[in-house]
Amino acid sequence: MATSTITEDETSVSPPTASMFAAPDPDVNQSTFERNETIEPIISFGLITDIHYADHDDRWNHVQTHLRRYRNSANLVDEACHYWLNGKYPISFVLQLGDLIDGVCHTNKTSGNDLNVILEQFKKTLNSLPIYHIWGNHELYNFTRQELLNGPLCSFDTKTSSLAHYGTFEVCPNLRIIALDTYEFSALGVGNDSEVYGKSMELLRKHNQNESPNDPTGLRGHQRRYVQFNGGITSKQMDWLKEQLTEAKNRDEKVIVIGHIPIHPSACDHLDLLWNYKEVLDLLWIFDRTVLAYIAGHDHDGGYFRDRKNIHHLTLPAIVECDPNTNSFATVHVYKDCLLIEGVGRVATYKIDCQL
């Protein structure tokens, strides 16, 4: 794995604005645009993230602002799966954007069992429907990278060339998903004696002098991202991403990029930004007519921002912190002239114009 130091840039790519949050509503949010109900989508697929399942009693998050309902997250996944199963248009796959189980599972020594429980919630309703998993920080609290690459959460087979987990696939003609590993450069899921761990901690200590590397006290603005529960992307993966975007552009394909950690400071709390977000954003901007959206999780409140290059940044709110009688997931309907991201509960509904 390449472990070259990531590019640093503290300049904001655009003035930070308040994120646009969806109002809590257990039903599908009403869109502000019209669509022809007689036209069927080319394909539909599901979006869900930050489930954080654990066989553990409810407890407050680390800043005491949101109650994490660990066991209830399995019920919400079941509800989402039945929604997708009985929807007007059947889905073809699900994108699960990370933090499927919580770090408390590792503390309780129940990681394997809890993972099987939540995966069964998908399987019993959606049967053999493909689920593409990407890894968040909580996957890496529970398992080593080697374990993840050889387990049920490995959706992109990169283990022959790298410990990283990223890949791409065609959704339908002229539309492609590119999945990133936003923890390729991090101190999580690797041995303390590894090169990547050493370089990651060196970067953290350069910017964060607190006793705990997960403590952002004293950090300001974008500097708050330098905590251990975040990560970055190495030059090797950046080269791969550029290659994939170039090929997509040459094929006249549109692309949705997904990753656990957000990359735009106006689509999330700055505490939850990718370490080298500016480097990734600059690359996507080169392919602004190819990249339609970047979809992430990690920030449990969620957020949305359309940047100056017309790329839509959607951060989905967390399942685990849903209030009673609501949920947090979405269905993407693909049409020739747009993507309709139809949210349920905490997720709003968005339209992304395009020509496939």
Protein backbone atom coordinates (compact mmCIF):
# COMPACT_ATOMS: atom_id res chain seq x y z
CA MET A 1 0.00 0.00 0.00
CA ALA A 2 1.29 3.43 -0.89
CA THR A 3 1.55 5.57 2.23
CA SER A 4 2.81 8.85 0.85
CA THR A 5 1.83 11.88 2.90
CA ILE A 6 -1.49 13.32 1.85
CA THR A 7 -1.75 16.81 0.42
CA GLU A 8 -2.77 19.43 2.97
CA ASP A 9 -4.77 22.55 2.16
CA GLU A 10 -6.68 24.61 4.71
CA THR A 11 -8.38 26.84 2.14
CA SER A 12 -12.13 26.42 1.95
CA VAL A 13 -13.34 25.32 -1.46
CA SER A 14 -16.45 27.44 -0.95
CA PRO A 15 -17.94 29.46 1.90
CA PRO A 16 -19.37 27.05 4.51
CA THR A 17 -23.13 27.22 4.73
CA ALA A 18 -25.66 25.52 6.97
CA SER A 19 -26.36 21.99 5.80
CA MET A 20 -29.86 21.28 4.52
CA PHE A 21 -31.42 18.71 6.83
CA ALA A 22 -34.53 16.68 6.18
CA ALA A 23 -37.43 17.09 8.57
CA PRO A 24 -38.19 13.95 10.58
CA ASP A 25 -41.02 12.15 8.84
CA PRO A 26 -41.67 8.42 8.71
CA ASP A 27 -43.15 8.74 5.24
CA VAL A 28 -41.53 9.54 1.92
CA ASN A 29 -40.65 13.23 1.83
CA GLN A 30 -42.64 15.28 -0.64
CA SER A 31 -40.47 16.50 -3.50
CA THR A 32 -40.72 20.08 -4.75
CA PHE A 33 -40.70 19.07 -8.41
CA GLU A 34 -43.02 17.22 -10.73
CA ARG A 35 -42.35 13.95 -12.46
CA ASN A 36 -44.29 11.78 -14.87
CA GLU A 37 -45.49 8.79 -12.86
CA THR A 38 -46.11 6.80 -16.04
CA ILE A 39 -42.40 6.69 -16.90
CA GLU A 40 -40.58 3.82 -15.19
CA PRO A 41 -37.00 4.31 -14.07
CA ILE A 42 -34.23 2.54 -15.93
CA ILE A 43 -33.10 1.04 -12.63
CA SER A 44 -33.56 1.73 -8.91
CA PHE A 45 -31.31 1.02 -5.93
CA GLY A 46 -31.21 1.59 -2.17
CA LEU A 47 -29.03 3.81 0.02
CA ILE A 48 -28.47 3.32 3.75
CA THR A 49 -25.69 4.12 6.22
CA ASP A 50 -24.50 4.30 9.83
CA ILE A 51 -26.69 1.51 11.14
CA HIS A 52 -24.37 0.87 14.11
CA TYR A 53 -26.19 -2.28 15.18
CA ALA A 54 -25.16 -3.81 18.52
CA ASP A 55 -26.86 -6.08 21.01
CA HIS A 56 -26.46 -3.34 23.58
CA ASP A 57 -28.66 -1.02 25.60
CA ASP A 58 -29.36 2.47 24.28
CA ARG A 59 -26.86 5.13 25.29
CA TRP A 60 -25.95 8.70 24.41
CA ASN A 61 -23.29 9.51 21.83
CA HIS A 62 -19.92 10.82 23.01
CA VAL A 63 -21.10 14.47 23.09
CA GLN A 64 -24.39 13.60 24.82
CA THR A 65 -26.58 15.08 22.09
CA HIS A 66 -28.22 12.06 20.42
CA LEU A 67 -29.44 8.77 21.82
CA ARG A 68 -28.06 5.74 19.98
CA ARG A 69 -30.73 3.06 19.78
CA TYR A 70 -28.52 0.10 18.93
CA ARG A 71 -31.02 -2.74 18.91
CA ASN A 72 -33.71 -0.66 17.21
CA SER A 73 -31.41 -0.15 14.22
CA ALA A 74 -32.09 -3.77 13.23
CA ASN A 75 -35.82 -3.02 13.20
CA LEU A 76 -35.23 0.01 10.98
CA VAL A 77 -33.17 -2.05 8.53
CA ASP A 78 -36.00 -4.58 8.40
CA GLU A 79 -38.45 -1.75 7.73
CA ALA A 80 -36.25 -0.35 4.96
CA CYS A 81 -35.87 -3.76 3.31
CA HIS A 82 -39.64 -4.34 3.31
CA TYR A 83 -40.13 -0.85 1.86
CA TRP A 84 -37.73 -1.68 -0.97
CA LEU A 85 -39.28 -5.12 -1.50
CA ASN A 86 -42.81 -3.71 -1.79
CA GLY A 87 -41.98 -0.52 -3.64
CA LYS A 88 -43.60 0.46 -6.92
CA TYR A 89 -40.30 -0.10 -8.69
CA PRO A 90 -38.08 -3.01 -7.54
CA ILE A 91 -34.53 -2.18 -6.54
CA SER A 92 -31.58 -3.99 -8.08
CA PHE A 93 -29.01 -3.55 -5.28
CA VAL A 94 -28.26 -1.67 -2.06
CA LEU A 95 -25.33 0.62 -1.23
CA GLN A 96 -24.44 0.32 2.47
CA LEU A 97 -22.11 3.22 3.22
CA GLY A 98 -20.37 2.03 6.36
CA ASP A 99 -20.58 1.64 10.16
CA LEU A 100 -22.85 -1.37 9.86
CA ILE A 101 -22.10 -2.40 13.47
CA ASP A 102 -20.88 -0.26 16.36
CA GLY A 103 -17.52 -0.16 18.10
CA VAL A 104 -19.20 -1.30 21.30
CA CYS A 105 -19.45 -4.75 19.68
CA HIS A 106 -15.67 -5.05 19.91
CA THR A 107 -15.76 -4.03 23.57
CA ASN A 108 -18.46 -6.63 24.21
CA LYS A 109 -16.58 -9.25 22.17
CA THR A 110 -19.69 -9.79 20.03
CA SER A 111 -18.43 -8.41 16.71
CA GLY A 112 -18.94 -11.56 14.65
CA ASN A 113 -22.33 -12.40 16.07
CA ASP A 114 -23.67 -8.84 15.81
CA LEU A 115 -22.45 -8.59 12.23
CA ASN A 116 -24.28 -11.80 11.34
CA VAL A 117 -27.48 -10.53 12.99
CA ILE A 118 -27.62 -7.31 10.97
CA LEU A 119 -26.60 -9.00 7.70
CA GLU A 120 -29.42 -11.50 8.25
CA GLN A 121 -31.87 -8.58 8.45
CA PHE A 122 -30.98 -7.74 4.85
CA LYS A 123 -30.83 -11.34 3.66
CA LYS A 124 -34.17 -12.55 5.03
CA THR A 125 -36.09 -9.90 3.09
CA LEU A 126 -33.95 -9.09 0.07
CA ASN A 127 -32.63 -12.67 -0.35
CA SER A 128 -29.78 -12.70 -2.86
CA LEU A 129 -30.01 -9.04 -3.86
CA PRO A 130 -26.48 -7.58 -4.10
CA ILE A 131 -25.41 -5.35 -1.21
CA TYR A 132 -22.28 -3.29 -1.80
CA HIS A 133 -20.54 -2.49 1.48
CA ILE A 134 -17.97 0.20 2.09
CA TRP A 135 -16.05 0.46 5.33
CA GLY A 136 -16.38 3.10 8.02
CA ASN A 137 -14.36 3.63 11.16
CA HIS A 138 -16.54 1.22 13.16
CA GLU A 139 -15.81 -1.68 10.80
CA LEU A 140 -12.15 -0.99 11.53
CA TYR A 141 -12.74 -0.88 15.30
CA ASN A 142 -14.18 -4.39 15.11
CA PHE A 143 -11.99 -6.10 12.52
CA THR A 144 -8.56 -5.83 10.98
CA ARG A 145 -8.33 -4.97 7.31
CA GLN A 146 -7.21 -8.50 6.55
CA GLU A 147 -10.28 -9.90 8.32
CA LEU A 148 -12.56 -7.52 6.42
CA LEU A 149 -11.02 -8.43 3.07
CA ASN A 150 -11.74 -12.09 3.75
CA GLY A 151 -15.19 -11.57 5.25
CA PRO A 152 -18.76 -10.79 4.12
CA LEU A 153 -18.16 -7.02 3.94
CA CYS A 154 -15.64 -7.34 1.11
CA SER A 155 -17.53 -6.10 -1.95
CA PHE A 156 -14.49 -5.17 -4.05
CA ASP A 157 -11.73 -7.75 -4.34
CA THR A 158 -8.52 -5.77 -3.99
CA LYS A 159 -6.71 -8.05 -1.57
CA THR A 160 -4.41 -9.46 -4.25
CA SER A 161 -2.85 -6.03 -4.78
CA SER A 162 -3.62 -3.97 -1.69
CA LEU A 163 -5.19 -3.92 1.76
CA ALA A 164 -7.42 -1.08 0.52
CA HIS A 165 -11.05 -1.70 -0.39
CA TYR A 166 -12.34 0.27 -3.37
CA GLY A 167 -13.89 -0.51 -6.74
CA THR A 168 -16.34 0.37 -9.46
CA PHE A 169 -19.28 -1.16 -11.30
CA GLU A 170 -21.79 -0.23 -13.98
CA VAL A 171 -25.28 0.60 -12.70
CA CYS A 172 -26.81 0.73 -16.17
CA PRO A 173 -25.66 1.96 -19.58
CA ASN A 174 -23.94 5.35 -19.12
CA LEU A 175 -24.02 5.35 -15.30
CA ARG A 176 -21.28 4.05 -13.00
CA ILE A 177 -20.64 3.81 -9.24
CA ILE A 178 -17.12 4.45 -7.93
CA ALA A 179 -16.65 3.36 -4.30
CA LEU A 180 -13.72 4.83 -2.36
CA ASP A 181 -11.86 3.59 0.70
CA THR A 182 -11.72 6.73 2.83
CA TYR A 183 -9.66 4.95 5.51
CA GLU A 184 -6.89 3.66 3.26
CA PHE A 185 -4.59 6.16 4.98
CA SER A 186 -5.52 5.88 8.66
CA ALA A 187 -4.49 4.47 12.01
CA LEU A 188 -7.46 2.09 12.12
CA GLY A 189 -7.58 -1.61 11.28
CA VAL A 190 -3.81 -1.94 10.98
CA GLY A 191 -1.04 -2.91 13.39
CA ASN A 192 0.62 -0.25 15.52
CA ASP A 193 3.93 -1.33 14.01
CA SER A 194 2.81 -0.78 10.40
CA GLU A 195 4.10 2.01 8.18
CA VAL A 196 0.62 3.42 7.50
CA TYR A 197 -0.15 3.59 11.24
CA GLY A 198 3.07 5.45 11.93
CA LYS A 199 2.56 8.00 9.16
CA SER A 200 -1.10 8.50 10.07
CA MET A 201 -0.27 9.20 13.70
CA GLU A 202 2.55 11.51 12.62
CA LEU A 203 0.06 13.55 10.58
CA LEU A 204 -2.44 13.62 13.46
CA ARG A 205 0.15 14.72 16.01
CA LYS A 206 1.30 17.48 13.70
CA HIS A 207 -2.17 19.05 13.78
CA ASN A 208 -3.70 17.75 17.02
CA GLN A 209 -1.74 18.09 20.27
CA ASN A 210 -4.50 16.76 22.55
CA GLU A 211 -3.78 13.74 24.74
CA SER A 212 -6.42 11.74 22.87
CA PRO A 213 -6.10 11.84 19.07
CA ASN A 214 -9.93 11.67 18.93
CA ASP A 215 -10.26 14.91 20.91
CA PRO A 216 -10.76 18.03 18.71
CA THR A 217 -10.49 20.51 21.62
CA GLY A 218 -8.71 23.66 20.51
CA LEU A 219 -8.93 22.85 16.80
CA ARG A 220 -10.71 25.38 14.60
CA GLY A 221 -12.59 25.16 11.30
CA HIS A 222 -11.32 22.55 8.89
CA GLN A 223 -8.51 21.65 11.31
CA ARG A 224 -11.10 19.82 13.40
CA ARG A 225 -10.95 16.96 10.90
CA TYR A 226 -7.60 15.85 12.29
CA VAL A 227 -8.95 13.20 14.65
CA GLN A 228 -8.28 9.49 14.64
CA PHE A 229 -11.82 8.46 13.66
CA ASN A 230 -11.23 10.07 10.25
CA GLY A 231 -8.86 9.04 7.50
CA GLY A 232 -7.56 9.86 4.06
CA ILE A 233 -6.88 8.51 0.59
CA THR A 234 -3.35 7.69 -0.61
CA SER A 235 -1.75 8.71 -3.88
CA LYS A 236 -2.21 5.16 -5.18
CA GLN A 237 -5.97 5.31 -4.81
CA MET A 238 -6.02 8.87 -6.16
CA ASP A 239 -4.24 7.67 -9.32
CA TRP A 240 -6.76 4.84 -9.63
CA LEU A 241 -9.67 7.28 -9.19
CA LYS A 242 -8.28 9.59 -11.87
CA GLU A 243 -7.91 6.63 -14.20
CA GLN A 244 -11.49 5.50 -13.59
CA LEU A 245 -12.89 9.00 -14.11
CA THR A 246 -10.88 9.43 -17.31
CA GLU A 247 -12.22 6.15 -18.68
CA ALA A 248 -15.77 7.08 -17.70
CA LYS A 249 -15.44 10.44 -19.42
CA ASN A 250 -14.10 8.79 -22.58
CA ARG A 251 -17.09 6.40 -22.55
CA ASP A 252 -19.47 9.32 -21.98
CA GLU A 253 -20.57 7.81 -18.66
CA LYS A 254 -21.88 9.69 -15.65
CA VAL A 255 -20.51 8.76 -12.22
CA ILE A 256 -21.75 8.64 -8.64
CA VAL A 257 -18.85 8.53 -6.18
CA ILE A 258 -19.47 7.03 -2.71
CA GLY A 259 -17.34 6.97 0.42
CA HIS A 260 -17.94 6.79 4.16
CA ILE A 261 -16.37 10.19 4.93
CA PRO A 262 -17.72 13.41 3.30
CA ILE A 263 -15.41 15.56 1.19
CA HIS A 264 -17.15 18.96 1.16
CA PRO A 265 -17.12 21.23 4.24
CA SER A 266 -20.59 22.52 3.45
CA ALA A 267 -22.14 19.03 3.45
CA CYS A 268 -21.08 18.02 6.95
CA ASP A 269 -19.63 19.13 10.27
CA HIS A 270 -15.95 19.98 9.73
CA LEU A 271 -15.18 17.37 12.40
CA ASP A 272 -16.27 14.68 9.93
CA LEU A 273 -14.24 15.70 6.85
CA LEU A 274 -11.77 13.52 4.98
CA TRP A 275 -8.20 14.46 5.91
CA ASN A 276 -7.31 15.28 2.29
CA TYR A 277 -10.79 16.32 1.19
CA LYS A 278 -9.45 19.21 -0.89
CA GLU A 279 -7.25 16.92 -2.98
CA VAL A 280 -10.17 14.61 -3.78
CA LEU A 281 -12.53 17.50 -4.45
CA ASP A 282 -10.07 19.15 -6.82
CA LEU A 283 -9.85 15.91 -8.80
CA LEU A 284 -13.62 15.52 -9.03
CA TRP A 285 -13.91 19.12 -10.19
CA ILE A 286 -11.72 18.32 -13.20
CA PHE A 287 -14.44 15.83 -14.19
CA ASP A 288 -17.40 17.99 -13.18
CA ARG A 289 -19.40 17.08 -16.30
CA THR A 290 -18.84 13.41 -15.51
CA VAL A 291 -19.32 13.31 -11.71
CA LEU A 292 -22.94 13.84 -10.68
CA ALA A 293 -22.72 13.31 -6.94
CA TYR A 294 -20.65 12.30 -3.94
CA ILE A 295 -22.69 10.35 -1.37
CA ALA A 296 -21.41 9.64 2.16
CA GLY A 297 -22.35 8.92 5.76
CA HIS A 298 -20.23 9.40 8.94
CA ASP A 299 -21.84 12.71 10.02
CA HIS A 300 -24.91 11.40 11.83
CA ASP A 301 -26.91 14.61 11.32
CA GLY A 302 -26.49 14.44 7.55
CA GLY A 303 -26.22 17.32 5.12
CA TYR A 304 -26.49 18.45 1.53
CA PHE A 305 -24.64 20.92 -0.69
CA ARG A 306 -24.42 21.48 -4.44
CA ASP A 307 -20.97 22.88 -5.13
CA ARG A 308 -19.88 25.46 -7.68
CA LYS A 309 -19.07 22.70 -10.18
CA ASN A 310 -22.64 21.39 -9.88
CA ILE A 311 -21.62 18.22 -8.02
CA HIS A 312 -24.22 17.22 -5.43
CA HIS A 313 -22.81 16.27 -2.01
CA LEU A 314 -25.31 14.21 -0.03
CA THR A 315 -24.48 13.06 3.50
CA LEU A 316 -27.11 10.61 4.74
CA PRO A 317 -28.24 10.83 8.38
CA ALA A 318 -27.56 7.85 10.64
CA ILE A 319 -30.03 5.03 11.22
CA VAL A 320 -28.87 4.48 14.81
CA GLU A 321 -29.87 7.94 16.02
CA CYS A 322 -33.37 7.95 14.54
CA ASP A 323 -36.10 9.09 16.91
CA PRO A 324 -38.99 6.66 17.49
CA ASN A 325 -41.38 6.27 14.56
CA THR A 326 -38.98 7.51 11.91
CA ASN A 327 -36.24 6.07 9.70
CA SER A 328 -33.36 7.19 7.46
CA PHE A 329 -32.79 5.67 4.02
CA ALA A 330 -33.34 6.48 0.36
CA THR A 331 -34.12 4.95 -3.01
CA VAL A 332 -32.36 6.20 -6.13
CA HIS A 333 -34.48 6.05 -9.30
CA VAL A 334 -32.44 6.47 -12.48
CA TYR A 335 -34.07 8.15 -15.49
CA LYS A 336 -32.60 9.25 -18.80
CA ASP A 337 -32.74 12.90 -17.76
CA CYS A 338 -32.28 12.79 -13.99
CA LEU A 339 -31.61 10.88 -10.80
CA LEU A 340 -34.44 11.01 -8.29
CA ILE A 341 -33.16 10.33 -4.77
CA GLU A 342 -36.35 9.63 -2.86
CA GLY A 343 -35.80 9.89 0.89
CA VAL A 344 -37.67 8.39 3.79
CA GLY A 345 -37.77 9.90 7.28
CA ARG A 346 -34.66 11.94 8.00
CA VAL A 347 -33.56 11.90 4.36
CA ALA A 348 -35.00 14.55 2.04
CA THR A 349 -35.79 14.03 -1.63
CA TYR A 350 -33.40 15.37 -4.27
CA LYS A 351 -33.38 15.64 -8.04
CA ILE A 352 -30.10 15.59 -9.97
CA ASP A 353 -30.45 16.59 -13.62
CA CYS A 354 -28.34 14.65 -16.10
CA GLN A 355 -28.39 13.16 -19.58
CA LEU A 356 -27.59 9.45 -19.71
